[in-house]
């Protein structure tokens, strides 16, 4: 998917967010080449309180 997005569209960066406690999702992102760029960031996921996440770029 990343190869397609970078090669066939004008997308320049792919981002992802994972809940801090979700080590499995973090591992999958690392395995496919994402780089963690921020830790413990508040993000609005629609819950009453902000969700604390790590941010990833590919």
C-alpha atoms as a PDB file:
ATOM      1  CA  UNK A   1       0.000   0.000   0.000  1.00  0.00           C
ATOM      2  CA  UNK A   2       2.772   2.440   0.904  1.00  0.00           C
ATOM      3  CA  UNK A   3       4.531   1.803  -2.419  1.00  0.00           C
ATOM      4  CA  UNK A   4       1.305   2.554  -4.262  1.00  0.00           C
ATOM      5  CA  UNK A   5       0.582   5.719  -2.279  1.00  0.00           C
ATOM      6  CA  UNK A   6       4.086   7.098  -2.753  1.00  0.00           C
ATOM      7  CA  UNK A   7       4.410   6.003  -6.398  1.00  0.00           C
ATOM      8  CA  UNK A   8       0.945   6.648  -7.793  1.00  0.00           C
ATOM      9  CA  UNK A   9      -0.428   9.571  -5.756  1.00  0.00           C
ATOM     10  CA  UNK A  10       0.803  12.911  -4.481  1.00  0.00           C
ATOM     11  CA  UNK A  11       0.847  11.698  -0.867  1.00  0.00           C
ATOM     12  CA  UNK A  12       4.136  12.593   0.770  1.00  0.00           C
ATOM     13  CA  UNK A  13       3.753  11.156   4.273  1.00  0.00           C
ATOM     14  CA  UNK A  14       1.690   8.414   5.928  1.00  0.00           C
ATOM     15  CA  UNK A  15       0.876   8.802   9.611  1.00  0.00           C
ATOM     16  CA  UNK A  16      -0.465   6.482  12.275  1.00  0.00           C
ATOM     17  CA  UNK A  17      -1.370   6.737  15.950  1.00  0.00           C
ATOM     18  CA  UNK A  18      -1.318   3.979  18.558  1.00  0.00           C
ATOM     19  CA  UNK A  19      -2.528   4.007  22.120  1.00  0.00           C
ATOM     20  CA  UNK A  20       0.511   4.036  24.370  1.00  0.00           C
ATOM     21  CA  UNK A  21      -0.433   0.756  26.038  1.00  0.00           C
ATOM     22  CA  UNK A  22      -0.920  -1.083  22.712  1.00  0.00           C
ATOM     23  CA  UNK A  23       2.544  -2.590  22.261  1.00  0.00           C
ATOM     24  CA  UNK A  24       1.284  -5.022  19.620  1.00  0.00           C
ATOM     25  CA  UNK A  25       0.207  -2.265  17.250  1.00  0.00           C
ATOM     26  CA  UNK A  26       3.457  -0.401  17.856  1.00  0.00           C
ATOM     27  CA  UNK A  27       5.415  -3.544  16.991  1.00  0.00           C
ATOM     28  CA  UNK A  28       3.494  -4.014  13.723  1.00  0.00           C
ATOM     29  CA  UNK A  29       4.172  -0.420  12.675  1.00  0.00           C
ATOM     30  CA  UNK A  30       7.880  -0.776  13.472  1.00  0.00           C
ATOM     31  CA  UNK A  31       8.036  -4.051  11.565  1.00  0.00           C
ATOM     32  CA  UNK A  32       6.657  -2.489   8.366  1.00  0.00           C
ATOM     33  CA  UNK A  33       8.941   0.546   8.567  1.00  0.00           C
ATOM     34  CA  UNK A  34       7.106   3.273  10.473  1.00  0.00           C
ATOM     35  CA  UNK A  35       9.191   5.518  12.727  1.00  0.00           C
ATOM     36  CA  UNK A  36       7.844   6.746  16.066  1.00  0.00           C
ATOM     37  CA  UNK A  37       8.018  10.538  16.005  1.00  0.00           C
ATOM     38  CA  UNK A  38       6.206  11.502  19.217  1.00  0.00           C
ATOM     39  CA  UNK A  39       5.292   9.827  22.488  1.00  0.00           C
ATOM     40  CA  UNK A  40       2.426  10.418  24.915  1.00  0.00           C
ATOM     41  CA  UNK A  41       0.541  12.947  22.785  1.00  0.00           C
ATOM     42  CA  UNK A  42      -3.082  13.827  23.501  1.00  0.00           C
ATOM     43  CA  UNK A  43      -5.392  13.071  20.569  1.00  0.00           C
ATOM     44  CA  UNK A  44      -9.163  13.349  20.212  1.00  0.00           C
ATOM     45  CA  UNK A  45     -10.574   9.919  19.425  1.00  0.00           C
ATOM     46  CA  UNK A  46     -14.121  10.912  20.376  1.00  0.00           C
ATOM     47  CA  UNK A  47     -13.978   9.704  23.968  1.00  0.00           C
ATOM     48  CA  UNK A  48     -14.868  12.022  26.881  1.00  0.00           C
ATOM     49  CA  UNK A  49     -11.162  12.387  27.731  1.00  0.00           C
ATOM     50  CA  UNK A  50      -8.265  12.767  25.271  1.00  0.00           C
ATOM     51  CA  UNK A  51      -6.555   9.533  24.247  1.00  0.00           C
ATOM     52  CA  UNK A  52      -2.815   9.354  24.957  1.00  0.00           C
ATOM     53  CA  UNK A  53      -1.038   8.076  21.844  1.00  0.00           C
ATOM     54  CA  UNK A  54       2.292   7.644  20.142  1.00  0.00           C
ATOM     55  CA  UNK A  55       2.578   9.152  16.641  1.00  0.00           C
ATOM     56  CA  UNK A  56       4.237   7.373  13.720  1.00  0.00           C
ATOM     57  CA  UNK A  57       5.415   8.431  10.236  1.00  0.00           C
ATOM     58  CA  UNK A  58       6.256   6.321   7.218  1.00  0.00           C
END
